[in-house]
Amino acid sequence: MTARRTTARAVLETLRGYGIDTVFGIPGTHSLEFYRPLRELGIRAVTTRHEQGAAYGADGWSQVSGLPGVVITTSGPGLLNSLSGAATAYAESRPMIILSPGRPVGHDFRDIGSLHETKNPSAAVDAIVGRSRRVTSGAEAVTMVHDAFRDFAHSRPRPVHIEIPLDVLEAEPDVTDRQVAPRRLGAPQPAPAEDVRHAAEVLRGARTPVILAGGGSLPAGERLLELAELLEAPVITTTNGKGAIPERHRLSLGADLRLTTAHEFLRSADALLVIGSKVGEAELWGGDITPAGPIVRVDIVRDQMLCNLDPDIELPGHSAAVVPQLIAAIGPLEPRPPRDLTGVFARLDGEGRRWAPDLAALNETIMSVVPEDTIVAGDSSQVTYLGSTTFFRARHPRSLLYMGTYATLGYGLPAAIGAKLAAPDRPVLCLVGDGALMFSIQELMTAVELGLDLPIVCVDNGGYGEIRQNMTDRDIDPLAVDLRQPDWPALAEAFGAVGLEATPETLAGKVAEALAVRGPSLVHLRI
């Protein structure tokens, strides 16, 4: 049936114009009008088993597709259930749009016991996301979608929430086809030419420059590697910047910013170029990376350049524009002798293994059998932040789905589902701990329902392993951290997936078997 244009339809038409073909959520009594036009518009609705999973799934889809993740919730509990995913996107600077219905115009703040009644949902969400607004018209809702895409393109991407009152949502809006059509977003913002010239002089004269690349460096694409090779500058990344250059390239030091070896190496630089990173405490794990020479910082938001590491030269602008500016300003250089990074590589590798030798070996075993273009979805699990961040060598950016700042549990499985939907032809592997997986195990049903070829490796250390160790380190008798485990393979089978039991000796073979399974599979490994 051809639906009349409601505000809900106008908003979804606007999103479709920008390329959005997938939304995540759970239909509810108040959100039905959002669902009415989806089939006609060619938008796939992914029904997760919890709205938190919807937001994590949208985040994984976004990272792989390059488009904002879109979440549709119902009012009240549906919206509030999604907020862990929204907070993740905020902390990790990722684009997301959350659409929710609200009480009719004039009924906000009325304490009358209406269905899903919430005192001030938009204000609650606004405390967590980049921007939340309760609109009063269809035209305002459509404008907010356009504004969100503009901000995602030209500012630090952070989630946007649009609350649409029920009577506005279902009404015919006063908008035209032209108003819902996508707008030109414009070219990436370059940095001021004089600042670029100054930075180029510093970098050209440096003998031991180093590049620190965060998530904001990824839009520069292959030009970042070109700049690194021009300067003969090693590249170390944050976890959000992982794969900014291929991690098996001779100049890549991986995503090991937390290691003291990395701190020492960065301090030795006679020039440090930081691109698109807040140089966050959660990435550094308390280290000092202040270099011997000047600091040049590139960021799309000036406030970020003044955060945690004071710059000598500020280059405000979009990395997709600023990195080519730097290459042009530095100009052709006499070929520089290759930097001997053998010792640094060895020290980084050794330090990474000392943190958790069993998790290093486990990751290397798994990575030896997965295809090179695999996307790995992790979690706030030791197997991720002590293993995959170092021992999964990413060939491409956004190949490790992780959230090192917000560090939530339950992210990995729904993020993997979103990634597989965005890139059905690429292998996707979910590698998480048992505690993390239990947070979102219900989303295994989502993967089964969608028929996704998705291997999940559950590394079982009997509960919350790091917290157990933290308690021991503080002379606290471990309490509430040793968890009773289900029969994981049987649980997977009950969902309709394939369940496999592995030992460290059989792990490689079991993962290879899981990769060949049609549909979801779960490999359980007790360590």
Protein backbone atom coordinates (compact mmCIF):
# COMPACT_ATOMS: atom_id res chain seq x y z
CA MET A 1 0.00 0.00 0.00
CA THR A 2 1.17 3.51 -0.72
CA ALA A 3 1.24 5.37 2.57
CA ARG A 4 0.32 9.00 2.94
CA ARG A 5 3.21 11.19 3.98
CA THR A 6 3.21 11.47 7.76
CA THR A 7 5.99 13.08 9.71
CA ALA A 8 7.33 9.59 10.40
CA ARG A 9 7.45 8.89 6.67
CA ALA A 10 9.03 12.26 5.88
CA VAL A 11 11.82 11.61 8.38
CA LEU A 12 12.47 8.15 6.94
CA GLU A 13 12.39 9.47 3.38
CA THR A 14 15.03 11.98 4.41
CA LEU A 15 17.19 9.25 5.91
CA ARG A 16 16.77 7.07 2.83
CA GLY A 17 17.95 9.94 0.67
CA TYR A 18 21.26 9.92 2.54
CA GLY A 19 21.70 6.19 1.90
CA ILE A 20 20.26 4.67 5.08
CA ASP A 21 18.83 1.26 4.18
CA THR A 22 18.86 -0.42 7.61
CA VAL A 23 17.39 0.58 10.97
CA PHE A 24 17.58 -1.21 14.32
CA GLY A 25 14.98 -1.41 17.06
CA ILE A 26 11.94 -3.14 18.50
CA PRO A 27 8.45 -2.03 17.40
CA GLY A 28 6.26 -0.64 20.17
CA THR A 29 2.77 0.71 20.62
CA HIS A 30 3.85 4.31 20.07
CA SER A 31 6.41 3.75 17.29
CA LEU A 32 4.19 1.97 14.75
CA GLU A 33 4.08 4.88 12.29
CA PHE A 34 7.86 4.67 11.94
CA TYR A 35 7.42 1.10 10.70
CA ARG A 36 4.55 1.68 8.25
CA PRO A 37 6.67 3.03 5.32
CA LEU A 38 9.85 0.97 5.78
CA ARG A 39 9.12 -1.74 3.18
CA GLU A 40 8.02 0.77 0.57
CA LEU A 41 11.14 2.86 1.13
CA GLY A 42 13.43 -0.16 0.88
CA ILE A 43 14.64 0.10 4.47
CA ARG A 44 15.36 -3.12 6.33
CA ALA A 45 14.11 -3.28 9.93
CA VAL A 46 16.37 -5.33 12.21
CA THR A 47 14.53 -6.48 15.31
CA THR A 48 16.94 -7.14 18.15
CA ARG A 49 15.91 -8.76 21.42
CA HIS A 50 16.75 -5.70 23.48
CA GLU A 51 17.04 -2.02 22.58
CA GLN A 52 20.55 -1.94 24.00
CA GLY A 53 21.46 -4.52 21.36
CA ALA A 54 19.75 -2.36 18.74
CA ALA A 55 22.02 0.58 19.55
CA TYR A 56 25.16 -1.60 19.63
CA GLY A 57 24.09 -3.22 16.36
CA ALA A 58 23.56 0.20 14.79
CA ASP A 59 27.04 1.22 15.94
CA GLY A 60 28.65 -1.86 14.36
CA TRP A 61 26.67 -1.29 11.15
CA SER A 62 27.76 2.34 11.10
CA GLN A 63 31.47 1.59 11.49
CA VAL A 64 31.46 -0.82 8.58
CA SER A 65 29.03 1.01 6.27
CA GLY A 66 30.42 4.49 6.87
CA LEU A 67 26.89 5.84 7.45
CA PRO A 68 25.22 6.85 10.72
CA GLY A 69 23.55 4.02 12.60
CA VAL A 70 19.80 4.57 13.04
CA VAL A 71 17.83 3.29 16.02
CA ILE A 72 14.03 3.43 16.31
CA THR A 73 12.65 3.00 19.81
CA THR A 74 9.28 3.30 21.40
CA SER A 75 8.74 5.89 24.12
CA GLY A 76 9.81 5.44 27.74
CA PRO A 77 11.55 2.13 28.43
CA GLY A 78 12.46 1.45 24.80
CA LEU A 79 14.29 4.76 24.54
CA LEU A 80 15.98 4.44 27.90
CA ASN A 81 17.07 0.87 27.14
CA SER A 82 19.03 2.16 24.16
CA LEU A 83 21.10 4.64 26.13
CA SER A 84 24.15 2.43 26.76
CA GLY A 85 24.58 2.24 23.00
CA ALA A 86 24.06 5.98 22.68
CA ALA A 87 26.61 6.65 25.42
CA THR A 88 29.06 4.36 23.62
CA ALA A 89 28.66 6.32 20.39
CA TYR A 90 29.14 9.57 22.31
CA ALA A 91 32.32 8.43 24.08
CA GLU A 92 33.82 6.96 20.90
CA SER A 93 32.77 9.86 18.61
CA ARG A 94 30.53 7.87 16.27
CA PRO A 95 27.47 9.00 14.30
CA MET A 96 24.06 7.72 15.38
CA ILE A 97 20.48 8.92 15.08
CA ILE A 98 17.87 7.76 17.59
CA LEU A 99 14.22 8.29 16.71
CA SER A 100 11.57 8.01 19.37
CA PRO A 101 7.92 9.03 19.80
CA GLY A 102 6.92 11.29 22.67
CA ARG A 103 3.78 12.38 24.41
CA PRO A 104 1.47 14.61 22.33
CA VAL A 105 2.11 18.34 22.16
CA GLY A 106 0.92 19.97 25.38
CA HIS A 107 1.06 16.70 27.33
CA ASP A 108 4.74 16.83 28.24
CA PHE A 109 5.43 16.94 31.99
CA ARG A 110 1.86 15.84 32.80
CA ASP A 111 1.97 13.30 35.62
CA ILE A 112 -1.21 11.41 34.74
CA GLY A 113 -0.03 7.81 34.51
CA SER A 114 -0.02 7.54 30.70
CA LEU A 115 1.55 4.54 28.97
CA HIS A 116 5.38 4.65 29.08
CA GLU A 117 5.17 7.90 31.02
CA THR A 118 8.58 9.45 31.55
CA LYS A 119 9.16 12.80 33.26
CA ASN A 120 11.41 14.39 30.61
CA PRO A 121 12.89 11.82 28.22
CA SER A 122 14.53 14.32 25.88
CA ALA A 123 16.35 15.96 28.79
CA ALA A 124 17.45 12.56 30.09
CA VAL A 125 18.88 11.63 26.70
CA ASP A 126 20.40 15.07 26.18
CA ALA A 127 22.56 14.47 29.24
CA ILE A 128 24.19 11.54 27.40
CA VAL A 129 24.22 12.25 23.64
CA GLY A 130 25.54 15.09 21.52
CA ARG A 131 22.11 16.64 21.06
CA SER A 132 18.52 15.71 21.92
CA ARG A 133 15.48 17.72 20.92
CA ARG A 134 11.74 17.34 21.22
CA VAL A 135 10.43 18.77 17.95
CA THR A 136 7.07 20.46 17.48
CA SER A 137 6.52 19.96 13.73
CA GLY A 138 7.31 17.64 10.87
CA ALA A 139 9.43 20.32 9.21
CA GLU A 140 11.53 20.65 12.35
CA ALA A 141 12.05 16.88 12.52
CA VAL A 142 13.21 16.74 8.88
CA THR A 143 15.52 19.70 9.47
CA MET A 144 17.06 17.93 12.44
CA VAL A 145 17.94 14.95 10.23
CA HIS A 146 19.63 17.24 7.71
CA ASP A 147 21.46 19.05 10.49
CA ALA A 148 22.66 15.75 11.94
CA PHE A 149 24.24 14.69 8.63
CA ARG A 150 25.87 18.10 8.28
CA ASP A 151 27.31 17.85 11.78
CA PHE A 152 28.52 14.30 11.20
CA ALA A 153 30.41 15.54 8.13
CA HIS A 154 31.90 18.71 9.57
CA SER A 155 32.21 18.24 13.31
CA ARG A 156 33.01 15.58 15.84
CA PRO A 157 30.37 12.88 15.16
CA ARG A 158 28.19 12.19 18.15
CA PRO A 159 24.70 10.70 18.53
CA VAL A 160 21.58 12.77 17.91
CA HIS A 161 18.17 12.02 19.41
CA ILE A 162 14.93 13.27 17.85
CA GLU A 163 11.78 12.96 19.95
CA ILE A 164 8.60 13.41 17.88
CA PRO A 165 5.31 13.91 19.75
CA LEU A 166 2.73 11.28 18.81
CA ASP A 167 0.29 13.73 17.27
CA VAL A 168 3.10 15.25 15.16
CA LEU A 169 4.48 11.82 14.24
CA GLU A 170 1.16 10.67 12.79
CA ALA A 171 0.12 13.97 11.19
CA GLU A 172 0.72 15.06 7.61
CA PRO A 173 3.65 17.51 7.74
CA ASP A 174 3.94 20.73 5.81
CA VAL A 175 7.05 19.63 3.90
CA THR A 176 7.80 19.32 0.18
CA ASP A 177 9.79 16.75 -1.79
CA ARG A 178 12.56 19.31 -2.00
CA GLN A 179 12.68 19.64 1.79
CA VAL A 180 13.15 15.91 2.33
CA ALA A 181 15.74 15.54 -0.45
CA PRO A 182 19.36 15.16 0.71
CA ARG A 183 21.41 18.32 0.91
CA ARG A 184 24.95 18.87 -0.24
CA LEU A 185 27.23 18.39 2.70
CA GLY A 186 30.17 20.29 1.23
CA ALA A 187 33.86 19.52 1.07
CA PRO A 188 35.93 18.63 4.15
CA GLN A 189 37.23 21.70 5.97
CA PRO A 190 40.93 22.49 5.37
CA ALA A 191 43.21 24.06 7.96
CA PRO A 192 44.46 27.66 7.63
CA ALA A 193 47.23 27.80 5.04
CA GLU A 194 49.71 29.64 7.29
CA ASP A 195 49.31 27.05 10.06
CA VAL A 196 49.83 24.25 7.54
CA ARG A 197 53.00 25.94 6.27
CA HIS A 198 54.35 26.24 9.82
CA ALA A 199 53.55 22.58 10.59
CA ALA A 200 55.16 21.48 7.31
CA GLU A 201 58.39 23.26 8.24
CA VAL A 202 58.50 21.49 11.60
CA LEU A 203 57.77 18.06 10.13
CA ARG A 204 60.15 18.55 7.22
CA GLY A 205 63.00 19.34 9.60
CA ALA A 206 62.31 16.50 12.03
CA ARG A 207 64.62 13.51 11.99
CA THR A 208 62.57 11.20 14.21
CA PRO A 209 58.92 12.22 13.70
CA VAL A 210 56.07 9.99 14.87
CA ILE A 211 52.39 10.04 13.92
CA LEU A 212 49.68 9.26 16.47
CA ALA A 213 46.47 8.48 14.58
CA GLY A 214 43.05 8.37 16.24
CA GLY A 215 39.60 7.64 14.90
CA GLY A 216 39.49 11.09 13.34
CA SER A 217 42.38 10.16 11.05
CA LEU A 218 40.42 7.46 9.21
CA PRO A 219 38.75 9.81 6.67
CA ALA A 220 42.24 10.63 5.35
CA GLY A 221 42.37 7.11 3.92
CA GLU A 222 45.49 6.14 1.98
CA ARG A 223 46.84 9.69 2.14
CA LEU A 224 47.85 9.03 5.75
CA LEU A 225 50.18 6.23 4.65
CA GLU A 226 51.51 8.51 1.92
CA LEU A 227 52.35 11.13 4.56
CA ALA A 228 53.98 8.55 6.84
CA GLU A 229 56.16 7.25 4.01
CA LEU A 230 57.07 10.78 2.94
CA LEU A 231 58.30 11.60 6.45
CA GLU A 232 59.51 8.07 7.23
CA ALA A 233 57.37 8.45 10.33
CA PRO A 234 56.17 5.42 12.31
CA VAL A 235 52.42 5.38 12.99
CA ILE A 236 50.92 4.31 16.28
CA THR A 237 47.16 4.41 16.66
CA THR A 238 44.47 4.49 19.26
CA THR A 239 42.07 1.56 19.24
CA ASN A 240 39.55 3.69 17.33
CA GLY A 241 42.27 4.47 14.79
CA LYS A 242 43.39 0.84 14.50
CA GLY A 243 44.16 -0.03 10.89
CA ALA A 244 44.58 3.61 9.83
CA ILE A 245 47.52 2.21 7.92
CA PRO A 246 47.81 -1.55 7.33
CA GLU A 247 49.20 -3.00 10.55
CA ARG A 248 51.68 -5.24 8.79
CA HIS A 249 53.28 -2.23 7.09
CA ARG A 250 56.87 -1.62 8.21
CA LEU A 251 55.90 1.78 9.69
CA SER A 252 52.93 0.55 11.72
CA LEU A 253 53.40 0.20 15.47
CA GLY A 254 49.82 -1.03 15.86
CA ALA A 255 47.26 0.09 18.44
CA ASP A 256 49.51 -0.33 21.46
CA LEU A 257 49.25 3.16 22.92
CA ARG A 258 48.69 1.77 26.42
CA LEU A 259 52.13 0.09 26.60
CA THR A 260 55.08 1.76 28.36
CA THR A 261 57.27 0.90 25.37
CA ALA A 262 54.99 3.05 23.22
CA HIS A 263 55.13 5.87 25.75
CA GLU A 264 58.93 5.82 25.75
CA PHE A 265 59.07 5.79 21.96
CA LEU A 266 56.66 8.72 21.63
CA ARG A 267 58.63 10.73 24.19
CA SER A 268 61.75 10.27 22.06
CA ALA A 269 60.17 11.87 18.97
CA ASP A 270 61.58 15.19 17.82
CA ALA A 271 58.14 15.97 16.36
CA LEU A 272 54.77 14.38 17.12
CA LEU A 273 51.86 14.70 14.72
CA VAL A 274 48.54 13.83 16.41
CA ILE A 275 45.64 13.37 13.99
CA GLY A 276 42.05 13.05 15.16
CA SER A 277 42.54 11.89 18.73
CA LYS A 278 41.73 13.29 22.15
CA VAL A 279 44.70 11.24 23.47
CA GLY A 280 42.36 9.87 26.09
CA GLU A 281 43.29 8.58 29.51
CA ALA A 282 41.51 5.30 28.79
CA GLU A 283 43.85 4.75 25.82
CA LEU A 284 47.05 5.72 27.62
CA TRP A 285 46.38 3.78 30.82
CA GLY A 286 48.09 6.57 32.74
CA GLY A 287 51.18 7.01 30.57
CA ASP A 288 53.00 10.21 29.60
CA ILE A 289 53.73 10.65 25.89
CA THR A 290 54.95 14.27 25.86
CA PRO A 291 57.65 14.23 23.15
CA ALA A 292 61.09 15.82 23.12
CA GLY A 293 60.10 18.01 20.17
CA PRO A 294 57.07 20.06 19.09
CA ILE A 295 53.53 18.72 18.93
CA VAL A 296 51.33 19.31 15.88
CA ARG A 297 47.66 18.45 16.34
CA VAL A 298 44.99 18.02 13.67
CA ASP A 299 41.37 17.89 14.77
CA ILE A 300 37.98 18.80 13.41
CA VAL A 301 37.09 20.42 16.76
CA ARG A 302 39.51 22.87 18.33
CA ASP A 303 38.60 21.90 21.90
CA GLN A 304 39.92 18.43 21.21
CA MET A 305 43.34 19.81 20.27
CA LEU A 306 43.64 21.36 23.72
CA CYS A 307 42.74 18.12 25.50
CA ASN A 308 45.31 16.05 27.43
CA LEU A 309 48.36 17.09 25.32
CA ASP A 310 49.13 20.75 24.66
CA PRO A 311 49.94 21.46 20.98
CA ASP A 312 52.64 23.78 19.69
CA ILE A 313 50.85 24.05 16.36
CA GLU A 314 47.08 23.69 15.89
CA LEU A 315 45.62 22.55 12.58
CA PRO A 316 41.83 22.82 12.91
CA GLY A 317 40.17 20.94 10.08
CA HIS A 318 39.04 17.62 8.67
CA SER A 319 41.78 15.02 8.25
CA ALA A 320 40.57 14.23 4.71
CA ALA A 321 41.55 17.80 3.80
CA VAL A 322 44.41 18.53 6.20
CA VAL A 323 46.55 15.44 5.49
CA PRO A 324 46.69 16.24 1.72
CA GLN A 325 47.47 19.85 2.66
CA LEU A 326 50.45 18.69 4.70
CA ILE A 327 51.69 16.42 1.92
CA ALA A 328 51.56 19.29 -0.56
CA ALA A 329 53.19 21.77 1.82
CA ILE A 330 56.02 19.44 2.82
CA GLY A 331 56.68 18.81 -0.84
CA PRO A 332 59.08 16.28 -2.34
CA LEU A 333 61.82 15.28 0.08
CA GLU A 334 65.09 13.54 -0.44
CA PRO A 335 64.42 9.87 0.33
CA ARG A 336 65.06 9.31 4.00
CA PRO A 337 66.83 6.20 5.25
CA PRO A 338 64.37 3.61 6.56
CA ARG A 339 63.84 3.83 10.30
CA ASP A 340 65.11 0.80 12.14
CA LEU A 341 62.09 -0.16 14.23
CA THR A 342 63.16 -3.74 14.93
CA GLY A 343 63.91 -3.07 18.58
CA VAL A 344 60.66 -1.16 19.14
CA PHE A 345 58.61 -3.92 17.53
CA ALA A 346 60.31 -6.53 19.70
CA ARG A 347 59.78 -4.55 22.91
CA LEU A 348 56.12 -3.82 22.09
CA ASP A 349 55.50 -7.48 21.28
CA GLY A 350 57.26 -8.66 24.41
CA GLU A 351 55.41 -6.23 26.66
CA GLY A 352 52.08 -7.16 25.12
CA ARG A 353 52.75 -10.83 25.75
CA ARG A 354 53.79 -10.22 29.35
CA TRP A 355 50.38 -8.66 30.10
CA ALA A 356 48.56 -11.87 29.18
CA PRO A 357 50.58 -14.57 27.40
CA ASP A 358 47.63 -16.97 27.17
CA LEU A 359 45.41 -14.35 25.52
CA ALA A 360 48.19 -13.40 23.10
CA ALA A 361 48.58 -17.03 22.04
CA LEU A 362 44.82 -17.50 21.84
CA ASN A 363 44.38 -14.47 19.57
CA GLU A 364 47.26 -15.52 17.35
CA THR A 365 45.81 -19.01 17.03
CA ILE A 366 42.45 -17.63 15.95
CA MET A 367 43.91 -15.02 13.60
CA SER A 368 45.99 -17.70 11.90
CA VAL A 369 42.84 -19.35 10.53
CA VAL A 370 40.53 -16.41 9.78
CA PRO A 371 40.71 -14.67 6.38
CA GLU A 372 42.83 -11.52 6.21
CA ASP A 373 39.86 -9.22 5.63
CA THR A 374 37.95 -10.45 8.70
CA ILE A 375 36.12 -7.97 10.93
CA VAL A 376 36.57 -8.82 14.62
CA ALA A 377 34.00 -7.61 17.13
CA GLY A 378 35.27 -7.40 20.69
CA ASP A 379 33.98 -6.28 24.04
CA SER A 380 35.24 -4.93 27.34
CA SER A 381 36.78 -8.36 27.82
CA GLN A 382 40.38 -9.17 28.62
CA VAL A 383 40.55 -11.25 25.45
CA THR A 384 39.93 -8.01 23.54
CA TYR A 385 41.86 -5.27 25.33
CA LEU A 386 44.80 -7.50 26.33
CA GLY A 387 44.66 -9.57 23.16
CA SER A 388 42.88 -8.51 19.99
CA THR A 389 43.93 -4.85 20.19
CA THR A 390 47.54 -6.01 19.85
CA PHE A 391 47.57 -9.43 18.25
CA PHE A 392 44.89 -8.92 15.61
CA ARG A 393 46.83 -7.14 12.86
CA ALA A 394 44.18 -5.18 11.00
CA ARG A 395 44.60 -4.78 7.28
CA HIS A 396 41.82 -2.19 7.01
CA PRO A 397 40.43 0.47 9.33
CA ARG A 398 37.29 -0.27 11.33
CA SER A 399 38.13 -3.97 11.33
CA LEU A 400 38.17 -4.21 15.14
CA LEU A 401 34.82 -3.17 16.58
CA TYR A 402 35.56 -2.03 20.10
CA MET A 403 34.86 0.84 22.51
CA GLY A 404 37.96 1.50 24.58
CA THR A 405 36.66 4.66 26.25
CA TYR A 406 33.12 3.68 27.24
CA ALA A 407 34.27 0.09 27.85
CA THR A 408 30.84 -1.49 28.08
CA LEU A 409 29.96 -5.15 28.37
CA GLY A 410 27.51 -6.75 25.93
CA TYR A 411 28.72 -4.81 22.89
CA GLY A 412 30.50 -7.49 20.86
CA LEU A 413 27.70 -9.79 19.66
CA PRO A 414 25.19 -7.12 18.53
CA ALA A 415 28.01 -5.06 16.97
CA ALA A 416 29.08 -8.15 15.02
CA ILE A 417 25.51 -8.59 13.78
CA GLY A 418 25.44 -4.99 12.58
CA ALA A 419 28.81 -5.40 10.87
CA LYS A 420 27.74 -8.57 9.06
CA LEU A 421 24.58 -6.85 7.81
CA ALA A 422 26.66 -3.96 6.50
CA ALA A 423 29.27 -6.21 4.85
CA PRO A 424 27.66 -9.61 4.13
CA ASP A 425 30.56 -10.69 1.92
CA ARG A 426 33.25 -10.09 4.55
CA PRO A 427 33.94 -12.60 7.32
CA VAL A 428 32.90 -11.32 10.76
CA LEU A 429 34.04 -12.95 13.99
CA CYS A 430 32.80 -12.15 17.50
CA LEU A 431 35.51 -12.83 20.10
CA VAL A 432 34.47 -12.06 23.70
CA GLY A 433 34.60 -13.30 27.26
CA ASP A 434 31.85 -15.26 29.00
CA GLY A 435 30.83 -12.36 31.26
CA ALA A 436 30.45 -10.01 28.31
CA LEU A 437 28.58 -12.51 26.16
CA MET A 438 26.01 -13.18 28.87
CA PHE A 439 25.08 -9.48 28.76
CA SER A 440 23.73 -9.88 25.22
CA ILE A 441 23.34 -13.61 24.60
CA GLN A 442 19.71 -12.99 23.58
CA GLU A 443 21.00 -11.40 20.37
CA LEU A 444 22.13 -14.84 19.23
CA MET A 445 18.47 -15.32 18.39
CA THR A 446 18.65 -12.20 16.22
CA ALA A 447 21.62 -13.65 14.32
CA VAL A 448 19.81 -16.97 13.86
CA GLU A 449 16.67 -15.23 12.64
CA LEU A 450 18.71 -13.22 10.11
CA GLY A 451 20.58 -16.33 8.95
CA LEU A 452 23.98 -14.68 9.42
CA ASP A 453 27.17 -16.66 8.94
CA LEU A 454 28.66 -15.48 12.23
CA PRO A 455 31.15 -17.43 14.36
CA ILE A 456 31.23 -16.44 18.04
CA VAL A 457 34.17 -17.46 20.21
CA CYS A 458 33.37 -17.39 23.92
CA VAL A 459 36.50 -17.36 26.09
CA ASP A 460 35.36 -18.61 29.48
CA ASN A 461 37.45 -17.70 32.53
CA GLY A 462 34.61 -18.43 34.92
CA GLY A 463 33.23 -14.92 35.37
CA TYR A 464 34.67 -11.42 35.68
CA GLY A 465 38.36 -12.27 35.52
CA GLU A 466 39.85 -8.81 35.68
CA ILE A 467 37.67 -7.71 38.58
CA ARG A 468 38.58 -10.91 40.39
CA GLN A 469 42.25 -10.01 39.93
CA ASN A 470 41.61 -6.38 40.97
CA MET A 471 40.10 -7.63 44.22
CA THR A 472 43.03 -9.94 44.86
CA ASP A 473 45.48 -7.10 44.19
CA ARG A 474 43.68 -4.99 46.84
CA ASP A 475 43.65 -7.82 49.38
CA ILE A 476 39.90 -8.28 48.97
CA ASP A 477 38.69 -11.85 49.14
CA PRO A 478 37.09 -12.23 45.66
CA LEU A 479 33.34 -11.77 45.92
CA ALA A 480 30.54 -11.79 43.31
CA VAL A 481 32.92 -12.42 40.41
CA ASP A 482 32.87 -16.21 40.02
CA LEU A 483 29.87 -16.97 37.84
CA ARG A 484 28.07 -20.23 37.21
CA GLN A 485 28.29 -21.06 33.53
CA PRO A 486 25.66 -22.55 31.24
CA ASP A 487 26.40 -25.41 28.90
CA TRP A 488 27.45 -22.97 26.19
CA PRO A 489 27.32 -25.32 23.16
CA ALA A 490 23.91 -26.63 24.29
CA LEU A 491 22.68 -23.06 24.78
CA ALA A 492 23.79 -22.20 21.25
CA GLU A 493 21.98 -25.25 19.90
CA ALA A 494 18.82 -24.24 21.78
CA PHE A 495 18.88 -20.92 19.91
CA GLY A 496 19.23 -22.76 16.59
CA ALA A 497 22.97 -22.11 16.16
CA VAL A 498 25.79 -24.65 16.01
CA GLY A 499 27.60 -25.22 19.32
CA LEU A 500 31.21 -26.39 19.47
CA GLU A 501 33.51 -27.15 22.41
CA ALA A 502 37.20 -26.34 22.06
CA THR A 503 40.42 -26.74 24.00
CA PRO A 504 43.54 -24.65 23.42
CA GLU A 505 44.88 -27.54 21.33
CA THR A 506 41.77 -27.85 19.16
CA LEU A 507 40.90 -24.15 18.98
CA ALA A 508 42.25 -23.47 15.48
CA GLY A 509 40.37 -26.41 14.02
CA LYS A 510 37.12 -25.52 15.78
CA VAL A 511 37.29 -21.90 14.59
CA ALA A 512 37.94 -23.11 11.05
CA GLU A 513 34.93 -25.42 11.41
CA ALA A 514 32.80 -22.53 12.66
CA LEU A 515 33.86 -20.37 9.71
CA ALA A 516 32.49 -23.02 7.38
CA VAL A 517 29.11 -23.23 9.13
CA ARG A 518 26.09 -21.71 7.40
CA GLY A 519 24.43 -19.55 10.01
CA PRO A 520 25.65 -18.59 13.48
CA SER A 521 27.94 -20.80 15.52
CA LEU A 522 29.45 -20.62 18.98
CA VAL A 523 32.84 -22.00 19.96
CA HIS A 524 33.26 -22.34 23.73
CA LEU A 525 36.80 -22.28 25.12
CA ARG A 526 37.43 -22.65 28.83
CA ILE A 527 40.73 -21.18 30.04
